[in-house]
Every structure is written in C-alpha cells, then in structure tokens.
Amino acid sequence: MTAFLSILGIEQEKLANHYQEISSYPKKRRLWLAKLLIADLILSLPSLLSWISINLILKHSLDGFVVSLSSWILIIFLNHFHYLTQVSLNSASNIIISMVEIIFIIFASNKVFLSIHWLPIALPINSILIGDWRQLTTLPLWIVGVTMLFICSIDFKTKR
C-alpha cells in the first residue's frame, strides 16, 4: 500500500507540471516534508482503528496501543522509504522492493528475526511478538535517516 502511495505522490508531481510548482517554491524541502507529514497522518487511521477495535473486543488497552503504535511506525517508515526509493529508482524497482518487504514481514511474523536489529521492518513486528517496547526505540532513527536522504535527494531529482 505504501509503495503505491509513494508512486502516486511522486508521479502526480512529475506528470502535473514536471516539478515546476515545487521547483519555483523557495522552500521546497518544507513542502515535501509537509506532504510526508500529511501522508503520515492519513496513514495513522488504520492504526487508530485497530487500536479502537482491540480495546473494544479484548479490553486490553496497552496491548492495543502497542499493536497500533507498532503498525503506525512501520507504515511511516515504509512510506518514507518508498518515497526515497521512488525518487532514487523507478516504479518497477519500488514494487519489487515492496514484494521483498512482504517476504521479510512474513519471516518476521514467524519469529525468524527476533534478535536482528539491523532490519527495520522486523522491529515493530518483534515488539508485538515479544511485548517489548525497546524494539521500537531505534525505528524513529531509521525514519529520520530515510527522511533526510529523501529530502537531500529530492533536489537532484527535480533538477533533472
């Protein structure tokens, strides 16, 4: 879902006027950050719905909060990563990478990556399986790193 969202976001700007609107804006990095923030807020809705449903059905507010926070952080990371991939590579590569991510998520849900901390996709799933918040502490650093790479590479992409 996030791969297609990033493809649509980048392609919309490219096909609308070939980045002329963003290139003419003096604070284009802030504009891209605002677009990412709005997409992140929209993507929080599925997490919020899962948190509410877990609270209503199971009456476990902490478990529901951990599940929704983990899924929201994972969605934010994947959204920012796929925006970077879309700017750096092309749509086909972005979709292929998302398929590999699905395989990693399946392996992570089978407890294969419990002790691996270099794979950011596995961290939220591990926090749900183990019930440990420490798995989630490094993922915001990954999000900031990917966002900074995206913001730095967007100038190169829009000037071509």
C-alpha atoms as a PDB file:
ATOM      1  CA  MET A   1       0.000   0.000   0.000  1.00  0.00           C
ATOM      2  CA  THR A   2       2.758   2.451   0.892  1.00  0.00           C
ATOM      3  CA  ALA A   3       4.673   1.651  -2.294  1.00  0.00           C
ATOM      4  CA  PHE A   4       1.677   2.608  -4.411  1.00  0.00           C
ATOM      5  CA  LEU A   5       1.049   5.699  -2.296  1.00  0.00           C
ATOM      6  CA  SER A   6       4.607   6.898  -2.858  1.00  0.00           C
ATOM      7  CA  ILE A   7       4.437   6.105  -6.567  1.00  0.00           C
ATOM      8  CA  LEU A   8       1.241   8.139  -6.859  1.00  0.00           C
ATOM      9  CA  GLY A   9       2.681  11.021  -4.828  1.00  0.00           C
ATOM     10  CA  ILE A  10       5.837  11.345  -6.919  1.00  0.00           C
ATOM     11  CA  GLU A  11       4.142  10.658 -10.259  1.00  0.00           C
ATOM     12  CA  GLN A  12       1.470  13.258  -9.503  1.00  0.00           C
ATOM     13  CA  GLU A  13       4.094  15.954  -9.140  1.00  0.00           C
ATOM     14  CA  LYS A  14       6.088  14.763 -12.124  1.00  0.00           C
ATOM     15  CA  LEU A  15       3.143  14.444 -14.508  1.00  0.00           C
ATOM     16  CA  ALA A  16       1.261  17.542 -13.371  1.00  0.00           C
ATOM     17  CA  ASN A  17       3.928  20.029 -14.351  1.00  0.00           C
ATOM     18  CA  HIS A  18       7.280  18.204 -14.119  1.00  0.00           C
ATOM     19  CA  TYR A  19       8.078  19.583 -10.634  1.00  0.00           C
ATOM     20  CA  GLN A  20       7.702  23.224 -11.790  1.00  0.00           C
ATOM     21  CA  GLU A  21       5.394  24.171  -8.926  1.00  0.00           C
ATOM     22  CA  ILE A  22       7.702  22.692  -6.313  1.00  0.00           C
ATOM     23  CA  SER A  23      10.862  23.960  -8.027  1.00  0.00           C
ATOM     24  CA  SER A  24       9.523  27.519  -8.101  1.00  0.00           C
ATOM     25  CA  TYR A  25       8.617  27.386  -4.405  1.00  0.00           C
ATOM     26  CA  PRO A  26      11.535  28.818  -2.376  1.00  0.00           C
ATOM     27  CA  LYS A  27      11.116  26.344   0.489  1.00  0.00           C
ATOM     28  CA  LYS A  28      10.628  23.155  -1.497  1.00  0.00           C
ATOM     29  CA  ARG A  29      12.078  20.914   1.229  1.00  0.00           C
ATOM     30  CA  ARG A  30       9.461  22.151   3.686  1.00  0.00           C
ATOM     31  CA  LEU A  31       6.788  21.481   1.089  1.00  0.00           C
ATOM     32  CA  TRP A  32       7.956  17.869   0.669  1.00  0.00           C
ATOM     33  CA  LEU A  33       8.140  17.445   4.455  1.00  0.00           C
ATOM     34  CA  ALA A  34       4.588  18.772   4.739  1.00  0.00           C
ATOM     35  CA  LYS A  35       3.447  16.283   2.075  1.00  0.00           C
ATOM     36  CA  LEU A  36       5.098  13.455   4.019  1.00  0.00           C
ATOM     37  CA  LEU A  37       3.542  14.621   7.287  1.00  0.00           C
ATOM     38  CA  ILE A  38       0.061  14.759   5.767  1.00  0.00           C
ATOM     39  CA  ALA A  39       0.504  11.272   4.318  1.00  0.00           C
ATOM     40  CA  ASP A  40       1.706  10.020   7.728  1.00  0.00           C
ATOM     41  CA  LEU A  41      -1.346  11.467   9.440  1.00  0.00           C
ATOM     42  CA  ILE A  42      -3.662   9.877   6.888  1.00  0.00           C
ATOM     43  CA  LEU A  43      -1.869   6.556   7.322  1.00  0.00           C
ATOM     44  CA  SER A  44      -2.472   6.728  11.081  1.00  0.00           C
ATOM     45  CA  LEU A  45      -6.173   5.984  10.547  1.00  0.00           C
ATOM     46  CA  PRO A  46      -5.783   2.187  10.062  1.00  0.00           C
ATOM     47  CA  SER A  47      -3.640   2.037  13.217  1.00  0.00           C
ATOM     48  CA  LEU A  48      -6.192   4.038  15.153  1.00  0.00           C
ATOM     49  CA  LEU A  49      -8.992   1.748  14.002  1.00  0.00           C
ATOM     50  CA  SER A  50      -7.013  -1.339  15.061  1.00  0.00           C
ATOM     51  CA  TRP A  51      -6.355   0.204  18.479  1.00  0.00           C
ATOM     52  CA  ILE A  52     -10.042   1.004  18.992  1.00  0.00           C
ATOM     53  CA  SER A  53     -11.145  -2.458  17.853  1.00  0.00           C
ATOM     54  CA  ILE A  54      -8.648  -4.231  20.130  1.00  0.00           C
ATOM     55  CA  ASN A  55      -9.796  -2.083  23.035  1.00  0.00           C
ATOM     56  CA  LEU A  56     -13.466  -2.800  22.371  1.00  0.00           C
ATOM     57  CA  ILE A  57     -13.147  -6.512  21.665  1.00  0.00           C
ATOM     58  CA  LEU A  58     -10.376  -7.624  24.023  1.00  0.00           C
ATOM     59  CA  LYS A  59     -10.494  -4.859  26.644  1.00  0.00           C
ATOM     60  CA  HIS A  60      -6.676  -4.651  26.675  1.00  0.00           C
ATOM     61  CA  SER A  61      -5.745  -1.013  26.146  1.00  0.00           C
ATOM     62  CA  LEU A  62      -1.979  -1.484  26.491  1.00  0.00           C
ATOM     63  CA  ASP A  63      -1.858  -4.363  24.007  1.00  0.00           C
ATOM     64  CA  GLY A  64      -3.973  -2.405  21.572  1.00  0.00           C
ATOM     65  CA  PHE A  65      -1.741   0.629  21.947  1.00  0.00           C
ATOM     66  CA  VAL A  66       1.430  -1.422  21.313  1.00  0.00           C
ATOM     67  CA  VAL A  67      -0.102  -3.016  18.214  1.00  0.00           C
ATOM     68  CA  SER A  68      -1.352   0.277  16.804  1.00  0.00           C
ATOM     69  CA  LEU A  69       1.871   2.161  17.580  1.00  0.00           C
ATOM     70  CA  SER A  70       3.966  -0.608  16.037  1.00  0.00           C
ATOM     71  CA  SER A  71       1.873  -0.731  12.894  1.00  0.00           C
ATOM     72  CA  TRP A  72       1.821   3.061  12.564  1.00  0.00           C
ATOM     73  CA  ILE A  73       5.602   3.350  12.940  1.00  0.00           C
ATOM     74  CA  LEU A  74       6.066   0.569  10.400  1.00  0.00           C
ATOM     75  CA  ILE A  75       3.725   2.298   7.944  1.00  0.00           C
ATOM     76  CA  ILE A  76       5.531   5.632   8.405  1.00  0.00           C
ATOM     77  CA  PHE A  77       8.923   4.016   7.842  1.00  0.00           C
ATOM     78  CA  LEU A  78       7.725   2.210   4.724  1.00  0.00           C
ATOM     79  CA  ASN A  79       6.090   5.369   3.376  1.00  0.00           C
ATOM     80  CA  HIS A  80       9.278   7.414   3.753  1.00  0.00           C
ATOM     81  CA  PHE A  81      11.421   4.561   2.430  1.00  0.00           C
ATOM     82  CA  HIS A  82       9.261   4.144  -0.660  1.00  0.00           C
ATOM     83  CA  TYR A  83       9.296   7.894  -1.340  1.00  0.00           C
ATOM     84  CA  LEU A  84      13.111   7.693  -1.257  1.00  0.00           C
ATOM     85  CA  THR A  85      13.062   4.612  -3.484  1.00  0.00           C
ATOM     86  CA  GLN A  86      10.704   6.284  -5.940  1.00  0.00           C
ATOM     87  CA  VAL A  87      12.967   9.322  -6.196  1.00  0.00           C
ATOM     88  CA  SER A  88      16.154   7.251  -6.452  1.00  0.00           C
ATOM     89  CA  LEU A  89      14.948   4.411  -8.672  1.00  0.00           C
ATOM     90  CA  ASN A  90      11.755   3.856 -10.650  1.00  0.00           C
ATOM     91  CA  SER A  91       8.271   2.437 -10.081  1.00  0.00           C
ATOM     92  CA  ALA A  92       9.135  -1.134 -11.046  1.00  0.00           C
ATOM     93  CA  SER A  93      12.033  -1.238  -8.589  1.00  0.00           C
ATOM     94  CA  ASN A  94       9.790   0.212  -5.911  1.00  0.00           C
ATOM     95  CA  ILE A  95       7.204  -2.538  -6.402  1.00  0.00           C
ATOM     96  CA  ILE A  96       9.880  -5.263  -6.422  1.00  0.00           C
ATOM     97  CA  ILE A  97      11.316  -3.912  -3.169  1.00  0.00           C
ATOM     98  CA  SER A  98       7.835  -3.903  -1.638  1.00  0.00           C
ATOM     99  CA  MET A  99       7.436  -7.581  -2.540  1.00  0.00           C
ATOM    100  CA  VAL A 100      10.724  -8.375  -0.792  1.00  0.00           C
ATOM    101  CA  GLU A 101       9.453  -6.409   2.213  1.00  0.00           C
ATOM    102  CA  ILE A 102       6.353  -8.597   2.317  1.00  0.00           C
ATOM    103  CA  ILE A 103       8.591 -11.673   2.464  1.00  0.00           C
ATOM    104  CA  PHE A 104      10.583 -10.087   5.310  1.00  0.00           C
ATOM    105  CA  ILE A 105       7.353  -9.313   7.184  1.00  0.00           C
ATOM    106  CA  ILE A 106       6.203 -12.924   6.789  1.00  0.00           C
ATOM    107  CA  PHE A 107       9.534 -14.190   8.127  1.00  0.00           C
ATOM    108  CA  ALA A 108       9.426 -11.681  10.986  1.00  0.00           C
ATOM    109  CA  SER A 109       5.948 -12.819  11.975  1.00  0.00           C
ATOM    110  CA  ASN A 110       7.311 -16.378  12.176  1.00  0.00           C
ATOM    111  CA  LYS A 111       9.887 -15.185  14.758  1.00  0.00           C
ATOM    112  CA  VAL A 112      12.871 -15.576  12.426  1.00  0.00           C
ATOM    113  CA  PHE A 113      14.240 -12.059  13.014  1.00  0.00           C
ATOM    114  CA  LEU A 114      13.810 -11.783  16.799  1.00  0.00           C
ATOM    115  CA  SER A 115      17.459 -10.985  17.537  1.00  0.00           C
ATOM    116  CA  ILE A 116      18.155  -8.934  14.409  1.00  0.00           C
ATOM    117  CA  HIS A 117      18.240  -5.169  14.910  1.00  0.00           C
ATOM    118  CA  TRP A 118      19.588  -4.069  11.526  1.00  0.00           C
ATOM    119  CA  LEU A 119      16.338  -4.881   9.715  1.00  0.00           C
ATOM    120  CA  PRO A 120      13.919  -2.026  10.463  1.00  0.00           C
ATOM    121  CA  ILE A 121      10.912  -3.856   9.022  1.00  0.00           C
ATOM    122  CA  ALA A 122      11.206  -6.570  11.689  1.00  0.00           C
ATOM    123  CA  LEU A 123      11.403  -4.203  14.677  1.00  0.00           C
ATOM    124  CA  PRO A 124       7.667  -3.375  15.040  1.00  0.00           C
ATOM    125  CA  ILE A 125       6.686  -6.989  14.471  1.00  0.00           C
ATOM    126  CA  ASN A 126       9.194  -8.130  17.094  1.00  0.00           C
ATOM    127  CA  SER A 127       7.772  -5.614  19.563  1.00  0.00           C
ATOM    128  CA  ILE A 128       4.303  -7.096  19.056  1.00  0.00           C
ATOM    129  CA  LEU A 129       5.505 -10.702  19.342  1.00  0.00           C
ATOM    130  CA  ILE A 130       7.726 -10.156  22.372  1.00  0.00           C
ATOM    131  CA  GLY A 131       5.715  -7.389  24.005  1.00  0.00           C
ATOM    132  CA  ASP A 132       8.863  -5.315  24.435  1.00  0.00           C
ATOM    133  CA  TRP A 133       8.894  -1.561  23.768  1.00  0.00           C
ATOM    134  CA  ARG A 134      12.684  -1.445  23.313  1.00  0.00           C
ATOM    135  CA  GLN A 135      12.329  -2.858  19.814  1.00  0.00           C
ATOM    136  CA  LEU A 136      10.535   0.341  18.773  1.00  0.00           C
ATOM    137  CA  THR A 137      13.143   2.805  20.053  1.00  0.00           C
ATOM    138  CA  THR A 138      15.511   2.523  17.093  1.00  0.00           C
ATOM    139  CA  LEU A 139      12.886   2.747  14.355  1.00  0.00           C
ATOM    140  CA  PRO A 140      12.347   6.535  14.695  1.00  0.00           C
ATOM    141  CA  LEU A 141      16.074   6.948  13.992  1.00  0.00           C
ATOM    142  CA  TRP A 142      15.642   4.908  10.825  1.00  0.00           C
ATOM    143  CA  ILE A 143      12.671   7.105   9.875  1.00  0.00           C
ATOM    144  CA  VAL A 144      14.680  10.305  10.379  1.00  0.00           C
ATOM    145  CA  GLY A 145      17.590   8.885   8.369  1.00  0.00           C
ATOM    146  CA  VAL A 146      15.418   7.840   5.441  1.00  0.00           C
ATOM    147  CA  THR A 147      13.572  11.175   5.509  1.00  0.00           C
ATOM    148  CA  MET A 148      16.851  13.106   5.440  1.00  0.00           C
ATOM    149  CA  LEU A 149      18.071  11.028   2.496  1.00  0.00           C
ATOM    150  CA  PHE A 150      14.790  11.696   0.683  1.00  0.00           C
ATOM    151  CA  ILE A 151      14.949  15.451   1.305  1.00  0.00           C
ATOM    152  CA  CYS A 152      18.571  15.607   0.168  1.00  0.00           C
ATOM    153  CA  SER A 153      17.927  13.580  -2.979  1.00  0.00           C
ATOM    154  CA  ILE A 154      14.741  15.408  -3.983  1.00  0.00           C
ATOM    155  CA  ASP A 155      16.696  18.446  -5.194  1.00  0.00           C
ATOM    156  CA  PHE A 156      18.709  16.236  -7.511  1.00  0.00           C
ATOM    157  CA  LYS A 157      15.595  14.556  -8.919  1.00  0.00           C
ATOM    158  CA  THR A 158      13.641  17.751  -9.551  1.00  0.00           C
ATOM    159  CA  LYS A 159      16.536  19.491 -11.334  1.00  0.00           C
ATOM    160  CA  ARG A 160      16.896  16.752 -13.979  1.00  0.00           C
END
